[in-house]
Protein backbone atom coordinates (compact mmCIF):
# COMPACT_ATOMS: atom_id res chain seq x y z
CA MET A 1 -20.37 2.73 -20.15
CA ARG A 2 -17.52 0.89 -20.87
CA GLU A 3 -14.91 2.63 -19.03
CA LYS A 4 -17.52 3.50 -16.14
CA LYS A 5 -17.72 -0.49 -15.63
CA ILE A 6 -14.56 -1.40 -16.22
CA LEU A 7 -13.99 0.83 -13.72
CA ILE A 8 -16.05 -0.80 -11.01
CA ILE A 9 -14.80 -3.29 -11.93
CA LEU A 10 -11.47 -2.59 -10.83
CA PHE A 11 -12.93 -0.52 -7.87
CA VAL A 12 -14.50 -4.29 -6.51
CA THR A 13 -10.95 -6.14 -7.82
CA LEU A 14 -8.79 -3.80 -5.33
CA LEU A 15 -11.22 -3.54 -2.62
CA LEU A 16 -11.09 -7.29 -1.84
CA ASP A 17 -7.28 -7.70 -1.71
CA VAL A 18 -6.85 -4.36 0.78
CA ILE A 19 -9.32 -5.69 2.80
CA GLY A 20 -7.10 -9.05 3.23
CA ILE A 21 -3.64 -7.61 2.90
CA GLY A 22 -5.04 -5.01 5.77
CA ILE A 23 -6.81 -7.44 7.97
CA LEU A 24 -2.24 -8.18 9.00
CA ILE A 25 -2.25 -4.59 10.61
CA PRO A 26 -4.27 -4.38 14.60
CA VAL A 27 -2.69 -8.17 14.66
CA ILE A 28 1.44 -6.97 14.55
CA PRO A 29 1.47 -6.55 17.72
CA ALA A 30 -0.83 -9.19 18.97
CA LEU A 31 2.15 -11.57 17.57
CA PHE A 32 5.30 -9.73 18.29
CA THR A 33 5.66 -7.33 20.15
CA ASP A 34 3.40 -7.06 22.58
CA SER A 35 4.48 -9.50 25.16
CA ASN A 36 1.10 -10.23 27.93
CA ALA A 37 -0.56 -10.77 24.54
CA PRO A 38 -1.94 -14.03 24.82
CA THR A 39 -1.40 -14.81 21.07
CA PHE A 40 2.53 -13.74 21.15
CA MET A 41 4.90 -15.54 19.38
CA LEU A 42 7.86 -14.17 20.21
CA ALA A 43 9.18 -15.28 24.19
CA GLY A 44 12.67 -15.52 24.94
CA TYR A 45 13.03 -12.79 22.16
CA SER A 46 14.59 -9.20 23.10
CA VAL A 47 12.19 -6.18 22.43
CA GLY A 48 14.79 -5.10 19.71
CA SER A 49 14.89 -9.10 17.78
CA GLN A 50 10.71 -9.01 18.62
CA TYR A 51 10.61 -5.05 16.86
CA PHE A 52 12.75 -6.03 13.72
CA ILE A 53 10.41 -8.92 13.34
CA ALA A 54 7.90 -7.47 13.36
CA GLY A 55 9.12 -4.90 10.84
CA LEU A 56 11.30 -8.41 8.67
CA MET A 57 7.56 -9.77 8.32
CA THR A 58 6.02 -6.60 7.27
CA ALA A 59 8.95 -5.40 4.62
CA LEU A 60 8.84 -9.46 2.75
CA PHE A 61 4.93 -7.89 1.15
CA GLY A 62 7.17 -4.45 0.49
CA VAL A 63 10.40 -6.04 -0.74
CA MET A 64 8.96 -8.73 -3.42
CA GLN A 65 6.18 -6.22 -4.88
CA PHE A 66 9.58 -3.75 -5.68
CA LEU A 67 10.69 -7.38 -7.57
CA ALA A 68 7.33 -7.67 -8.91
CA ALA A 69 5.69 -5.28 -10.16
CA PRO A 70 7.95 -4.38 -12.88
CA LEU A 71 7.57 -7.29 -13.78
CA LEU A 72 4.23 -8.18 -13.77
CA GLY A 73 3.32 -4.50 -15.51
CA ASP A 74 5.12 -5.63 -18.34
CA LEU A 75 3.69 -9.29 -19.23
CA SER A 76 0.16 -7.08 -18.73
CA ASP A 77 1.76 -5.02 -22.04
CA THR A 78 2.50 -8.68 -23.95
CA TYR A 79 -0.29 -10.53 -22.13
CA GLY A 80 -2.75 -8.65 -21.60
CA ARG A 81 -4.14 -6.92 -18.15
CA LYS A 82 -7.11 -9.62 -17.67
CA LYS A 83 -4.37 -12.73 -17.24
CA LEU A 84 -2.12 -11.31 -15.29
CA LEU A 85 -4.28 -9.92 -12.71
CA THR A 86 -6.74 -13.58 -11.98
CA LEU A 87 -3.49 -14.73 -11.58
CA GLY A 88 -2.71 -12.44 -8.76
CA VAL A 89 -5.61 -12.72 -7.02
CA GLY A 90 -5.63 -15.94 -7.60
CA VAL A 91 -1.90 -16.43 -5.43
CA LEU A 92 -2.85 -13.74 -3.13
CA ALA A 93 -6.02 -15.78 -1.51
CA VAL A 94 -3.68 -18.99 -1.12
CA ALA A 95 -0.85 -16.71 0.76
CA GLN A 96 -3.66 -15.33 3.05
CA LEU A 97 -4.45 -19.29 3.96
CA LEU A 98 -0.59 -20.39 4.33
CA PHE A 99 -0.61 -17.15 6.81
CA ALA A 100 -3.29 -19.05 8.62
CA ALA A 101 -2.03 -22.14 8.57
CA GLY A 102 0.97 -19.88 9.73
CA ILE A 103 -0.42 -18.38 12.84
CA ALA A 104 -2.00 -22.16 14.00
CA LEU A 105 1.16 -23.90 13.69
CA VAL A 106 3.16 -21.31 15.81
CA SER A 107 5.50 -21.42 12.08
CA LEU A 108 7.55 -18.26 11.99
CA PRO A 109 8.97 -19.59 8.90
CA LEU A 110 5.72 -20.96 7.29
CA LEU A 111 4.70 -16.95 8.09
CA PHE A 112 7.62 -15.72 5.97
CA VAL A 113 6.42 -17.45 3.70
CA SER A 114 3.25 -16.52 2.76
CA ARG A 115 3.90 -13.23 3.46
CA LEU A 116 7.09 -13.58 0.40
CA VAL A 117 4.23 -15.35 -2.13
CA ALA A 118 1.73 -12.53 -0.93
CA GLY A 119 4.49 -9.52 -1.95
CA ILE A 120 4.31 -10.88 -5.17
CA ALA A 121 1.11 -10.38 -6.41
CA GLY A 122 -0.01 -7.82 -3.86
CA ALA A 123 1.85 -6.20 -7.22
CA ASN A 124 -1.41 -6.59 -9.43
CA PHE A 125 -2.06 -2.71 -8.45
CA SER A 126 0.70 -2.12 -10.86
CA ILE A 127 -1.95 -3.67 -13.44
CA VAL A 128 -4.49 -2.44 -11.81
CA GLN A 129 -3.72 1.16 -12.19
CA ALA A 130 -2.29 0.53 -16.22
CA THR A 131 -6.57 -0.87 -16.95
CA ILE A 132 -6.97 2.56 -15.96
CA ALA A 133 -4.79 4.22 -17.76
CA ASP A 134 -6.19 1.68 -20.98
CA VAL A 135 -9.77 3.09 -20.93
CA THR A 136 -9.59 6.69 -19.37
CA GLU A 137 -8.13 9.61 -21.68
CA PRO A 138 -4.91 11.21 -19.98
CA LYS A 139 -6.85 14.35 -18.90
CA HIS A 140 -8.81 12.22 -16.42
CA ARG A 141 -6.07 9.79 -15.05
CA ALA A 142 -6.10 11.89 -11.74
CA ARG A 143 -9.50 11.28 -11.06
CA ASN A 144 -9.83 7.81 -12.53
CA PHE A 145 -6.85 6.54 -10.47
CA GLY A 146 -8.33 8.28 -6.90
CA LEU A 147 -10.62 5.15 -7.44
CA ILE A 148 -7.33 3.78 -6.39
CA GLY A 149 -6.81 5.55 -3.20
CA GLY A 150 -10.88 4.83 -2.32
CA ALA A 151 -10.60 1.55 -3.02
CA PHE A 152 -7.46 1.76 -0.32
CA GLY A 153 -9.44 3.64 1.64
CA LEU A 154 -12.93 1.74 1.97
CA GLY A 155 -10.31 -1.11 2.20
CA PHE A 156 -8.68 0.46 5.68
CA ILE A 157 -12.07 0.65 6.94
CA LEU A 158 -12.96 -2.57 6.49
CA GLY A 159 -9.62 -5.00 6.54
CA PRO A 160 -8.36 -3.80 9.62
CA LEU A 161 -11.64 -2.75 10.99
CA ILE A 162 -12.54 -6.93 10.43
CA GLY A 163 -9.31 -8.43 11.25
CA GLY A 164 -9.23 -6.59 15.45
CA TYR A 165 -13.04 -7.55 16.29
CA ILE A 166 -12.63 -11.67 15.12
CA VAL A 167 -9.48 -11.62 16.59
CA ALA A 168 -11.30 -9.46 19.90
CA LEU A 169 -14.27 -11.91 19.67
CA THR A 170 -12.24 -15.33 19.43
CA GLY A 171 -9.21 -14.36 20.81
CA ASN A 172 -7.64 -16.53 17.46
CA PRO A 173 -5.55 -14.38 15.17
CA ALA A 174 -5.68 -17.17 12.15
CA LEU A 175 -9.64 -16.31 11.84
CA PRO A 176 -9.27 -13.26 10.68
CA PHE A 177 -6.65 -14.89 7.54
CA LEU A 178 -9.01 -17.46 6.73
CA PHE A 179 -11.79 -14.96 5.88
CA ALA A 180 -8.93 -13.09 3.83
CA GLY A 181 -8.45 -16.05 1.94
CA CYS A 182 -12.29 -16.42 1.33
CA LEU A 183 -12.75 -13.39 -0.26
CA GLY A 184 -9.72 -13.83 -2.44
CA VAL A 185 -11.59 -16.94 -4.15
CA LEU A 186 -14.71 -14.58 -4.49
CA ASN A 187 -12.75 -12.38 -6.23
CA LEU A 188 -11.12 -14.27 -8.69
CA ILE A 189 -14.74 -15.79 -9.52
CA PHE A 190 -15.84 -12.21 -9.76
CA ILE A 191 -13.09 -11.01 -12.29
CA THR A 192 -12.88 -14.28 -14.13
CA PHE A 193 -16.52 -13.70 -14.99
CA MET A 194 -17.01 -9.40 -14.92
CA LEU A 195 -13.75 -8.46 -15.92
CA PRO A 196 -12.91 -7.67 -19.98
CA GLU A 197 -9.73 -7.05 -21.61
CA THR A 198 -9.25 -3.65 -22.10
CA HIS A 199 -5.13 -4.05 -24.00
CA HIS A 200 -5.25 -5.02 -27.09
CA VAL A 201 -2.38 -3.08 -28.43
CA ARG A 202 0.17 -5.96 -27.21
CA THR A 203 4.20 -5.56 -27.18
CA ALA A 204 6.06 -7.84 -28.06
CA ALA A 205 7.87 -10.74 -25.69
CA GLY A 206 10.54 -9.48 -24.17
CA LYS A 207 13.17 -11.01 -21.66
CA PHE A 208 11.35 -11.46 -18.44
CA SER A 209 13.43 -11.24 -15.17
CA LEU A 210 12.24 -10.98 -11.19
CA PHE A 211 16.02 -9.14 -11.53
CA LYS A 212 14.12 -6.56 -13.96
CA ALA A 213 13.42 -4.17 -10.38
CA PHE A 214 16.84 -3.31 -10.16
CA HIS A 215 17.06 -2.04 -13.97
CA ASN A 216 14.48 -0.49 -13.81
CA ILE A 217 15.74 1.79 -10.97
CA LYS A 218 19.24 2.37 -13.95
CA THR A 219 17.13 2.93 -16.18
CA ALA A 220 14.40 5.45 -14.21
CA TYR A 221 17.63 7.55 -12.94
CA LEU A 222 18.35 7.95 -16.60
CA ASP A 223 15.70 9.46 -17.86
CA VAL A 224 16.13 13.06 -16.56
CA ASP A 225 12.37 13.91 -16.96
CA THR A 226 10.89 11.38 -14.91
CA ARG A 227 13.86 11.11 -13.10
CA PRO A 228 12.89 13.52 -9.95
CA LEU A 229 9.30 12.75 -10.01
CA TYR A 230 10.15 7.95 -9.24
CA THR A 231 12.02 9.93 -6.68
CA VAL A 232 9.70 11.72 -5.13
CA SER A 233 7.49 9.15 -5.54
CA PHE A 234 9.60 6.36 -3.19
CA LEU A 235 10.75 9.06 -0.56
CA GLN A 236 7.22 10.04 0.09
CA MET A 237 6.23 6.49 0.29
CA LEU A 238 9.16 5.82 2.62
CA GLY A 239 7.90 7.97 4.61
CA PHE A 240 4.43 7.59 4.98
CA GLY A 241 4.70 3.18 4.72
CA ILE A 242 7.05 3.85 8.39
CA HIS A 243 3.80 5.24 9.64
CA THR A 244 1.26 2.56 8.18
CA SER A 245 3.38 -0.86 9.35
CA LEU A 246 4.08 0.44 12.45
CA SER A 247 1.35 2.49 13.24
CA ALA A 248 -0.23 -0.35 15.00
CA VAL A 249 2.73 -0.52 17.62
CA PHE A 250 2.94 2.84 17.81
CA LEU A 251 -0.89 2.70 18.94
CA SER A 252 0.15 -0.17 21.35
CA TYR A 253 3.03 1.82 22.68
CA ARG A 254 1.61 4.93 23.63
CA TYR A 255 -2.29 4.50 24.10
CA ASN A 256 -2.38 1.16 25.20
CA PHE A 257 -4.66 0.11 22.18
CA SER A 258 -5.60 -3.29 21.49
CA GLU A 259 -6.58 -5.04 18.43
CA ALA A 260 -10.16 -3.90 17.85
CA ASP A 261 -9.02 0.31 19.17
CA THR A 262 -6.28 0.09 15.96
CA GLY A 263 -8.93 -1.78 13.38
CA THR A 264 -11.50 0.93 14.79
CA TYR A 265 -8.41 3.80 13.72
CA PHE A 266 -7.86 2.34 10.89
CA ALA A 267 -11.37 2.13 10.22
CA VAL A 268 -11.73 6.14 10.61
CA VAL A 269 -8.39 6.36 8.23
CA GLY A 270 -10.39 4.83 5.37
CA VAL A 271 -13.76 6.93 6.37
CA CYS A 272 -11.73 9.88 5.60
CA ILE A 273 -9.19 8.58 2.90
CA VAL A 274 -12.83 7.91 0.71
CA LEU A 275 -14.47 11.54 1.82
CA SER A 276 -11.18 12.93 0.18
CA GLN A 277 -11.09 10.60 -2.62
CA ILE A 278 -14.68 11.85 -3.43
CA PHE A 279 -14.60 15.52 -2.16
CA VAL A 280 -10.91 17.19 -2.31
CA VAL A 281 -9.82 15.59 -4.62
CA ARG A 282 -12.23 16.22 -6.77
CA PHE A 283 -11.95 19.24 -5.72
CA ALA A 284 -9.08 20.42 -6.26
CA SER A 285 -8.88 18.36 -9.70
CA ALA A 286 -11.00 20.50 -11.40
CA ARG A 287 -9.15 23.27 -10.20
CA TYR A 288 -5.51 23.27 -9.92
CA ASN A 289 -3.20 20.87 -11.82
CA GLU A 290 -1.36 18.06 -10.40
CA ARG A 291 1.87 20.25 -9.61
CA LYS A 292 0.11 22.64 -7.67
CA ILE A 293 -1.94 19.69 -5.94
CA LEU A 294 1.54 17.77 -4.83
CA ARG A 295 3.43 21.29 -3.77
CA PHE A 296 0.77 21.44 -0.96
CA ALA A 297 -0.41 17.90 -0.12
CA LEU A 298 3.42 17.39 0.28
CA PRO A 299 3.97 19.70 3.68
CA LEU A 300 0.94 19.16 5.07
CA LEU A 301 1.50 15.31 4.83
CA ALA A 302 5.12 16.12 6.84
CA LEU A 303 3.45 18.23 9.22
CA SER A 304 0.55 15.36 9.48
CA LEU A 305 4.03 12.30 10.54
CA PHE A 306 5.97 14.80 12.85
CA ALA A 307 2.49 16.16 14.42
CA GLN A 308 1.92 12.47 15.63
CA THR A 309 5.20 13.49 18.25
CA LEU A 310 3.71 16.00 19.98
CA VAL A 311 0.17 14.24 20.48
CA PHE A 312 -0.65 12.11 23.86
CA ASN A 313 -4.47 13.09 23.54
CA VAL A 314 -6.15 9.68 21.95
CA TRP A 315 -8.99 13.23 20.94
CA LEU A 316 -5.70 15.02 19.80
CA LEU A 317 -4.50 11.82 17.78
CA TYR A 318 -7.40 11.22 15.48
CA SER A 319 -7.98 15.00 14.28
CA LEU A 320 -4.67 14.36 12.88
CA ILE A 321 -6.48 12.25 10.23
CA PRO A 322 -8.84 14.19 8.59
CA PHE A 323 -5.46 16.15 7.58
CA MET A 324 -2.82 12.53 6.74
CA SER A 325 -5.47 11.09 5.14
CA ALA A 326 -6.22 14.55 2.38
CA ALA A 327 -2.48 14.80 1.92
CA MET A 328 -2.18 11.27 1.17
CA SER A 329 -5.07 11.13 -1.12
CA LEU A 330 -4.01 13.74 -3.15
CA ILE A 331 -0.47 12.51 -3.39
CA THR A 332 -1.54 8.91 -4.57
CA THR A 333 -3.88 10.33 -7.56
CA ASN A 334 -1.42 13.51 -8.81
CA LEU A 335 1.38 11.48 -9.05
CA PRO A 336 0.42 8.59 -10.66
CA ALA A 337 -1.29 11.15 -12.90
CA LEU A 338 1.67 12.84 -14.23
CA ILE A 339 4.42 10.13 -15.06
CA SER A 340 1.30 8.43 -16.38
CA LYS A 341 1.03 11.86 -18.76
CA GLY A 342 4.67 11.33 -19.25
CA VAL A 343 4.60 7.97 -21.37
CA SER A 344 3.15 7.03 -24.32
CA ALA A 345 0.57 4.62 -24.88
CA ASN A 346 2.24 1.26 -24.93
CA ARG A 347 4.07 2.30 -22.39
CA GLN A 348 1.53 2.60 -19.51
CA GLY A 349 2.55 -0.51 -17.80
CA ALA A 350 5.85 -0.32 -17.65
CA ALA A 351 5.95 3.11 -16.89
CA LEU A 352 3.25 2.30 -14.17
CA GLY A 353 4.73 -0.55 -13.20
CA ILE A 354 7.97 0.81 -12.58
CA ASN A 355 6.87 3.87 -10.80
CA GLY A 356 4.52 0.38 -8.74
CA SER A 357 8.62 -0.83 -8.00
CA PHE A 358 9.43 2.15 -6.54
CA GLN A 359 6.82 2.70 -3.54
CA ALA A 360 6.78 -1.25 -2.89
CA LEU A 361 10.95 -0.81 -2.44
CA SER A 362 9.64 2.16 0.08
CA GLN A 363 7.44 -0.16 1.51
CA GLY A 364 9.97 -3.31 2.18
CA ILE A 365 12.22 -0.85 3.63
CA ALA A 366 10.00 1.15 5.91
CA PRO A 367 9.51 -1.22 8.64
CA LEU A 368 12.70 -2.15 8.57
CA LEU A 369 14.56 1.45 8.95
CA GLY A 370 11.49 2.28 11.26
CA SER A 371 12.07 -1.01 13.89
CA THR A 372 15.08 -0.23 13.79
CA VAL A 373 14.95 3.58 14.79
CA ALA A 374 12.19 1.92 17.45
CA ALA A 375 14.56 -0.23 18.75
CA LEU A 376 17.18 1.86 19.07
CA LEU A 377 15.63 5.62 19.96
CA GLY A 378 11.95 4.74 20.64
CA VAL A 379 8.72 4.22 19.34
CA PRO A 380 7.87 8.26 18.54
CA PHE A 381 11.01 8.47 16.45
CA ILE A 382 9.51 6.75 13.46
CA TYR A 383 7.47 9.81 13.45
CA ILE A 384 10.30 12.37 12.65
CA LEU A 385 12.00 10.32 10.36
CA ALA A 386 9.09 10.25 8.20
CA GLY A 387 8.80 13.32 8.60
CA CYS A 388 11.59 14.12 7.44
CA LEU A 389 11.25 11.84 4.62
CA VAL A 390 8.73 13.42 3.16
CA VAL A 391 10.32 16.30 3.54
CA GLY A 392 12.92 15.29 1.60
CA ALA A 393 10.60 14.30 -1.01
CA TYR A 394 9.18 17.42 -1.32
CA LEU A 395 12.35 19.78 -1.58
CA TRP A 396 13.43 16.97 -4.56
CA PHE A 397 9.66 17.65 -6.04
CA PRO A 398 10.71 19.67 -9.82
CA LYS A 399 8.76 23.58 -9.81
CA LYS A 400 9.03 23.31 -13.09
CA ALA A 401 7.40 20.69 -15.92
């Protein structure tokens, strides 16, 4: 019963975080790449510069997650999960309010600062993973890590939908971020009073540094057992990160989607991810081990990304969503489970923090890489690059334990 209660609390906490993060997605084109939008902020900039700034705005979040994820994982091993998670949620709320102020003041520097702060706070997903590992038997971790995917899925239903429709109804792109800030305050109150501490065997306090992310990459690659899995995690998330960070730009470019249209698209993606977590992940986990599942899911994701460049009809675009969602749901639950099983109980936070660091690094690189390709070769080429990266992850995946 205690495990179930904690899992529900973590689900709600992550859900509220993801809603706030997802609100940005449909707003990006109207702010940075669609010169016909009344809220466009980059008049006078070249098209290439517009794509680069849009990518950089998204990339900052991932870069700071890359730096902060292993630090927060280690800190939670030493000082406990609840303290660090509470701090992260509170800071993220402040960052959302700063972004709203940056839009209202038409201040690019303030927008960049807010994304930098949000990235540090948003790295708390590694603490959520470590908390799940604290209260879950190893054989059930893949299933319970599915809660993270479910929260992301539901968050991507509500976040872009809320952001898109608030802008569509009010014409004010700052209002969704005020809403996200309020959600963050509610989230802070919720975990303060509801979440118990789960990590009681603390590691000794060591030297903590934001630059540990780079040291962790070196350490990860010296470990011959976990190195292939970290590489797979990085490559597949880099490919999928190009999709998530620039899909709003792609939808605006090819289909002339409005903010509300983009919000609806991501809502459908979210519904499919939730259904995949409920049905596909549980069905697969009950019948196959993590390695077999990943050998199927990685090629499916690559094909789903390649297909984006070949589709010009909105209904065909929507038909790709279930396949892409199922693939990502299987990957995001089974890959962390494999990594988690490969380390001792007192290193769960550190190991999952390292994996979070790899994923965050990919999320920092992906928007810049994708926006550069879009500026040089054209927007559709971002999906060719994304699919190739996931193919690389499949080829790197170890065929034997």
